[in-house]
PDB file of N, CA and C in Angstrom:
ATOM      1  N   UNK A   1     -71.207  17.343  50.058  1.00  0.00           N
ATOM      2  CA  UNK A   1     -70.599  15.886  50.019  1.00  0.00           C
ATOM      3  C   UNK A   1     -69.916  15.798  48.661  1.00  0.00           C
ATOM      4  N   UNK A   2     -68.591  15.011  49.065  1.00  0.00           N
ATOM      5  CA  UNK A   2     -67.532  14.683  48.154  1.00  0.00           C
ATOM      6  C   UNK A   2     -68.280  13.711  47.095  1.00  0.00           C
ATOM      7  N   UNK A   3     -68.195  13.946  45.631  1.00  0.00           N
ATOM      8  CA  UNK A   3     -68.473  12.585  44.966  1.00  0.00           C
ATOM      9  C   UNK A   3     -67.037  12.543  44.153  1.00  0.00           C
ATOM     10  N   UNK A   4     -67.110  10.782  43.743  1.00  0.00           N
ATOM     11  CA  UNK A   4     -65.931  10.471  43.145  1.00  0.00           C
ATOM     12  C   UNK A   4     -66.251  10.667  41.596  1.00  0.00           C
ATOM     13  N   UNK A   5     -65.401  10.826  40.878  1.00  0.00           N
ATOM     14  CA  UNK A   5     -65.502  10.606  39.742  1.00  0.00           C
ATOM     15  C   UNK A   5     -65.656   9.329  38.859  1.00  0.00           C
ATOM     16  N   UNK A   6     -66.695   9.186  37.909  1.00  0.00           N
ATOM     17  CA  UNK A   6     -66.973   7.947  37.350  1.00  0.00           C
ATOM     18  C   UNK A   6     -66.260   7.413  36.395  1.00  0.00           C
ATOM     19  N   UNK A   7     -64.793   7.090  36.703  1.00  0.00           N
ATOM     20  CA  UNK A   7     -63.882   6.867  35.649  1.00  0.00           C
ATOM     21  C   UNK A   7     -63.557   5.152  35.837  1.00  0.00           C
ATOM     22  N   UNK A   8     -64.574   4.493  36.343  1.00  0.00           N
ATOM     23  CA  UNK A   8     -64.006   3.025  36.457  1.00  0.00           C
ATOM     24  C   UNK A   8     -63.627   2.638  37.538  1.00  0.00           C
ATOM     25  N   UNK A   9     -63.505   1.201  37.360  1.00  0.00           N
ATOM     26  CA  UNK A   9     -62.961   0.751  38.716  1.00  0.00           C
ATOM     27  C   UNK A   9     -61.952  -0.097  38.455  1.00  0.00           C
ATOM     28  N   UNK A  10     -60.561  -0.358  38.941  1.00  0.00           N
ATOM     29  CA  UNK A  10     -59.466  -0.933  38.535  1.00  0.00           C
ATOM     30  C   UNK A  10     -58.956  -1.874  39.698  1.00  0.00           C
ATOM     31  N   UNK A  11     -58.405  -3.063  39.390  1.00  0.00           N
ATOM     32  CA  UNK A  11     -57.897  -3.800  40.421  1.00  0.00           C
ATOM     33  C   UNK A  11     -56.576  -4.656  40.083  1.00  0.00           C
ATOM     34  N   UNK A  12     -55.924  -4.580  41.344  1.00  0.00           N
ATOM     35  CA  UNK A  12     -54.608  -5.418  41.440  1.00  0.00           C
ATOM     36  C   UNK A  12     -54.795  -6.725  41.939  1.00  0.00           C
ATOM     37  N   UNK A  13     -54.660  -7.893  41.207  1.00  0.00           N
ATOM     38  CA  UNK A  13     -55.073  -9.167  41.449  1.00  0.00           C
ATOM     39  C   UNK A  13     -53.337  -9.624  42.170  1.00  0.00           C
ATOM     40  N   UNK A  14     -53.432  -9.882  43.576  1.00  0.00           N
ATOM     41  CA  UNK A  14     -52.343 -10.324  44.149  1.00  0.00           C
ATOM     42  C   UNK A  14     -52.543 -11.690  44.867  1.00  0.00           C
ATOM     43  N   UNK A  15     -51.744 -12.812  44.401  1.00  0.00           N
ATOM     44  CA  UNK A  15     -52.093 -14.116  44.957  1.00  0.00           C
ATOM     45  C   UNK A  15     -50.721 -14.720  45.516  1.00  0.00           C
ATOM     46  N   UNK A  16     -50.781 -15.603  46.485  1.00  0.00           N
ATOM     47  CA  UNK A  16     -49.465 -16.132  47.147  1.00  0.00           C
ATOM     48  C   UNK A  16     -49.875 -17.692  46.905  1.00  0.00           C
ATOM     49  N   UNK A  17     -48.675 -18.293  46.516  1.00  0.00           N
ATOM     50  CA  UNK A  17     -48.956 -19.694  46.216  1.00  0.00           C
ATOM     51  C   UNK A  17     -48.158 -20.321  47.296  1.00  0.00           C
ATOM     52  N   UNK A  18     -48.673 -21.212  48.228  1.00  0.00           N
ATOM     53  CA  UNK A  18     -48.139 -21.740  49.262  1.00  0.00           C
ATOM     54  C   UNK A  18     -48.120 -23.617  49.021  1.00  0.00           C
ATOM     55  N   UNK A  19     -48.040 -23.642  47.576  1.00  0.00           N
ATOM     56  CA  UNK A  19     -47.813 -24.964  47.317  1.00  0.00           C
ATOM     57  C   UNK A  19     -49.047 -25.716  46.860  1.00  0.00           C
ATOM     58  N   UNK A  20     -50.310 -25.055  46.724  1.00  0.00           N
ATOM     59  CA  UNK A  20     -51.426 -25.546  46.410  1.00  0.00           C
ATOM     60  C   UNK A  20     -51.616 -26.171  45.179  1.00  0.00           C
ATOM     61  N   UNK A  21     -51.794 -27.308  44.779  1.00  0.00           N
ATOM     62  CA  UNK A  21     -52.136 -27.852  43.242  1.00  0.00           C
ATOM     63  C   UNK A  21     -52.971 -27.332  42.589  1.00  0.00           C
ATOM     64  N   UNK A  22     -53.993 -26.654  43.269  1.00  0.00           N
ATOM     65  CA  UNK A  22     -54.708 -25.898  42.064  1.00  0.00           C
ATOM     66  C   UNK A  22     -54.883 -24.461  42.455  1.00  0.00           C
ATOM     67  N   UNK A  23     -53.702 -24.130  42.397  1.00  0.00           N
ATOM     68  CA  UNK A  23     -53.433 -22.448  42.779  1.00  0.00           C
ATOM     69  C   UNK A  23     -53.666 -21.707  41.448  1.00  0.00           C
ATOM     70  N   UNK A  24     -53.650 -22.316  40.389  1.00  0.00           N
ATOM     71  CA  UNK A  24     -53.875 -21.432  38.854  1.00  0.00           C
ATOM     72  C   UNK A  24     -55.500 -21.413  38.664  1.00  0.00           C
ATOM     73  N   UNK A  25     -56.133 -22.482  39.259  1.00  0.00           N
ATOM     74  CA  UNK A  25     -57.376 -22.373  39.186  1.00  0.00           C
ATOM     75  C   UNK A  25     -58.035 -21.356  40.107  1.00  0.00           C
ATOM     76  N   UNK A  26     -57.550 -21.400  41.365  1.00  0.00           N
ATOM     77  CA  UNK A  26     -58.193 -20.577  42.126  1.00  0.00           C
ATOM     78  C   UNK A  26     -57.483 -18.923  41.687  1.00  0.00           C
ATOM     79  N   UNK A  27     -56.522 -18.856  41.022  1.00  0.00           N
ATOM     80  CA  UNK A  27     -56.325 -17.621  40.521  1.00  0.00           C
ATOM     81  C   UNK A  27     -57.046 -16.947  39.546  1.00  0.00           C
ATOM     82  N   UNK A  28     -57.517 -17.893  38.528  1.00  0.00           N
ATOM     83  CA  UNK A  28     -58.553 -17.768  37.659  1.00  0.00           C
ATOM     84  C   UNK A  28     -59.736 -17.394  38.058  1.00  0.00           C
ATOM     85  N   UNK A  29     -60.403 -18.039  39.063  1.00  0.00           N
ATOM     86  CA  UNK A  29     -61.555 -17.634  39.554  1.00  0.00           C
ATOM     87  C   UNK A  29     -61.429 -16.288  40.382  1.00  0.00           C
ATOM     88  N   UNK A  30     -60.622 -15.975  41.056  1.00  0.00           N
ATOM     89  CA  UNK A  30     -60.452 -14.535  41.363  1.00  0.00           C
ATOM     90  C   UNK A  30     -60.350 -13.537  40.309  1.00  0.00           C
ATOM     91  N   UNK A  31     -59.727 -13.606  39.404  1.00  0.00           N
ATOM     92  CA  UNK A  31     -59.837 -12.812  38.145  1.00  0.00           C
ATOM     93  C   UNK A  31     -61.318 -12.906  37.664  1.00  0.00           C
ATOM     94  N   UNK A  32     -61.906 -13.811  37.550  1.00  0.00           N
ATOM     95  CA  UNK A  32     -63.272 -13.645  36.805  1.00  0.00           C
ATOM     96  C   UNK A  32     -64.193 -13.080  37.812  1.00  0.00           C
ATOM     97  N   UNK A  33     -64.166 -13.236  39.044  1.00  0.00           N
ATOM     98  CA  UNK A  33     -64.915 -12.543  39.951  1.00  0.00           C
ATOM     99  C   UNK A  33     -64.624 -10.928  39.964  1.00  0.00           C
ATOM    100  N   UNK A  34     -63.308 -10.634  39.734  1.00  0.00           N
ATOM    101  CA  UNK A  34     -63.321  -9.297  39.696  1.00  0.00           C
ATOM    102  C   UNK A  34     -63.590  -8.619  38.313  1.00  0.00           C
ATOM    103  N   UNK A  35     -63.844  -9.279  37.164  1.00  0.00           N
ATOM    104  CA  UNK A  35     -64.344  -9.022  35.917  1.00  0.00           C
ATOM    105  C   UNK A  35     -66.030  -8.942  35.888  1.00  0.00           C
ATOM    106  N   UNK A  36     -66.295  -9.928  36.820  1.00  0.00           N
ATOM    107  CA  UNK A  36     -67.621  -9.963  36.815  1.00  0.00           C
ATOM    108  C   UNK A  36     -68.353  -8.729  37.702  1.00  0.00           C
ATOM    109  N   UNK A  37     -67.348  -7.976  38.492  1.00  0.00           N
ATOM    110  CA  UNK A  37     -67.723  -6.700  39.267  1.00  0.00           C
ATOM    111  C   UNK A  37     -67.530  -5.506  38.513  1.00  0.00           C
ATOM    112  N   UNK A  38     -67.402  -5.895  37.259  1.00  0.00           N
ATOM    113  CA  UNK A  38     -67.199  -4.743  36.145  1.00  0.00           C
ATOM    114  C   UNK A  38     -65.956  -3.935  36.290  1.00  0.00           C
ATOM    115  N   UNK A  39     -65.131  -4.500  36.948  1.00  0.00           N
ATOM    116  CA  UNK A  39     -63.611  -3.817  37.299  1.00  0.00           C
ATOM    117  C   UNK A  39     -62.718  -4.408  36.113  1.00  0.00           C
ATOM    118  N   UNK A  40     -61.605  -3.514  36.008  1.00  0.00           N
ATOM    119  CA  UNK A  40     -60.441  -3.704  34.985  1.00  0.00           C
ATOM    120  C   UNK A  40     -59.449  -4.344  35.678  1.00  0.00           C
ATOM    121  N   UNK A  41     -58.619  -5.256  35.369  1.00  0.00           N
ATOM    122  CA  UNK A  41     -57.503  -5.887  35.948  1.00  0.00           C
ATOM    123  C   UNK A  41     -56.428  -4.933  35.470  1.00  0.00           C
ATOM    124  N   UNK A  42     -55.764  -4.171  36.354  1.00  0.00           N
ATOM    125  CA  UNK A  42     -54.232  -3.405  35.593  1.00  0.00           C
ATOM    126  C   UNK A  42     -53.039  -3.985  36.234  1.00  0.00           C
ATOM    127  N   UNK A  43     -53.145  -5.020  36.949  1.00  0.00           N
ATOM    128  CA  UNK A  43     -51.728  -5.604  37.115  1.00  0.00           C
ATOM    129  C   UNK A  43     -52.075  -7.254  37.879  1.00  0.00           C
ATOM    130  N   UNK A  44     -51.225  -8.145  37.880  1.00  0.00           N
ATOM    131  CA  UNK A  44     -51.496  -9.321  38.388  1.00  0.00           C
ATOM    132  C   UNK A  44     -50.133  -9.608  39.011  1.00  0.00           C
ATOM    133  N   UNK A  45     -50.034  -9.931  40.343  1.00  0.00           N
ATOM    134  CA  UNK A  45     -48.929 -10.186  41.141  1.00  0.00           C
ATOM    135  C   UNK A  45     -48.887 -11.731  41.569  1.00  0.00           C
ATOM    136  N   UNK A  46     -48.222 -12.530  41.215  1.00  0.00           N
ATOM    137  CA  UNK A  46     -47.869 -13.924  41.973  1.00  0.00           C
ATOM    138  C   UNK A  46     -46.634 -14.028  42.463  1.00  0.00           C
ATOM    139  N   UNK A  47     -46.986 -14.640  43.715  1.00  0.00           N
ATOM    140  CA  UNK A  47     -45.674 -14.805  44.804  1.00  0.00           C
ATOM    141  C   UNK A  47     -45.849 -16.207  45.067  1.00  0.00           C
ATOM    142  N   UNK A  48     -44.572 -16.630  45.289  1.00  0.00           N
ATOM    143  CA  UNK A  48     -44.527 -18.333  45.965  1.00  0.00           C
ATOM    144  C   UNK A  48     -43.811 -18.444  46.864  1.00  0.00           C
ATOM    145  N   UNK A  49     -44.389 -18.830  48.168  1.00  0.00           N
ATOM    146  CA  UNK A  49     -43.593 -19.168  49.471  1.00  0.00           C
ATOM    147  C   UNK A  49     -43.905 -20.246  49.813  1.00  0.00           C
ATOM    148  N   UNK A  50     -42.885 -20.938  50.663  1.00  0.00           N
ATOM    149  CA  UNK A  50     -43.051 -22.325  51.307  1.00  0.00           C
ATOM    150  C   UNK A  50     -43.650 -22.229  52.347  1.00  0.00           C
ATOM    151  N   UNK A  51     -44.115 -21.352  53.144  1.00  0.00           N
ATOM    152  CA  UNK A  51     -44.834 -21.166  54.461  1.00  0.00           C
ATOM    153  C   UNK A  51     -45.482 -19.793  54.702  1.00  0.00           C
ATOM    154  N   UNK A  52     -46.533 -19.574  55.473  1.00  0.00           N
ATOM    155  CA  UNK A  52     -46.997 -18.317  55.678  1.00  0.00           C
ATOM    156  C   UNK A  52     -46.032 -17.314  56.510  1.00  0.00           C
TER     157      UNK A  52
END
């Protein structure tokens, strides 16, 4: 069976802002969830769009 090395977990947080007033709060909550899962945030990408 294939075993993955125990090098830790990393995440890239990608968020899309459609003009929500509490966008920054939502992004912060996602970051806290990632960290609580014992993952390291290696990059963050924030995108702003007017419509989906």
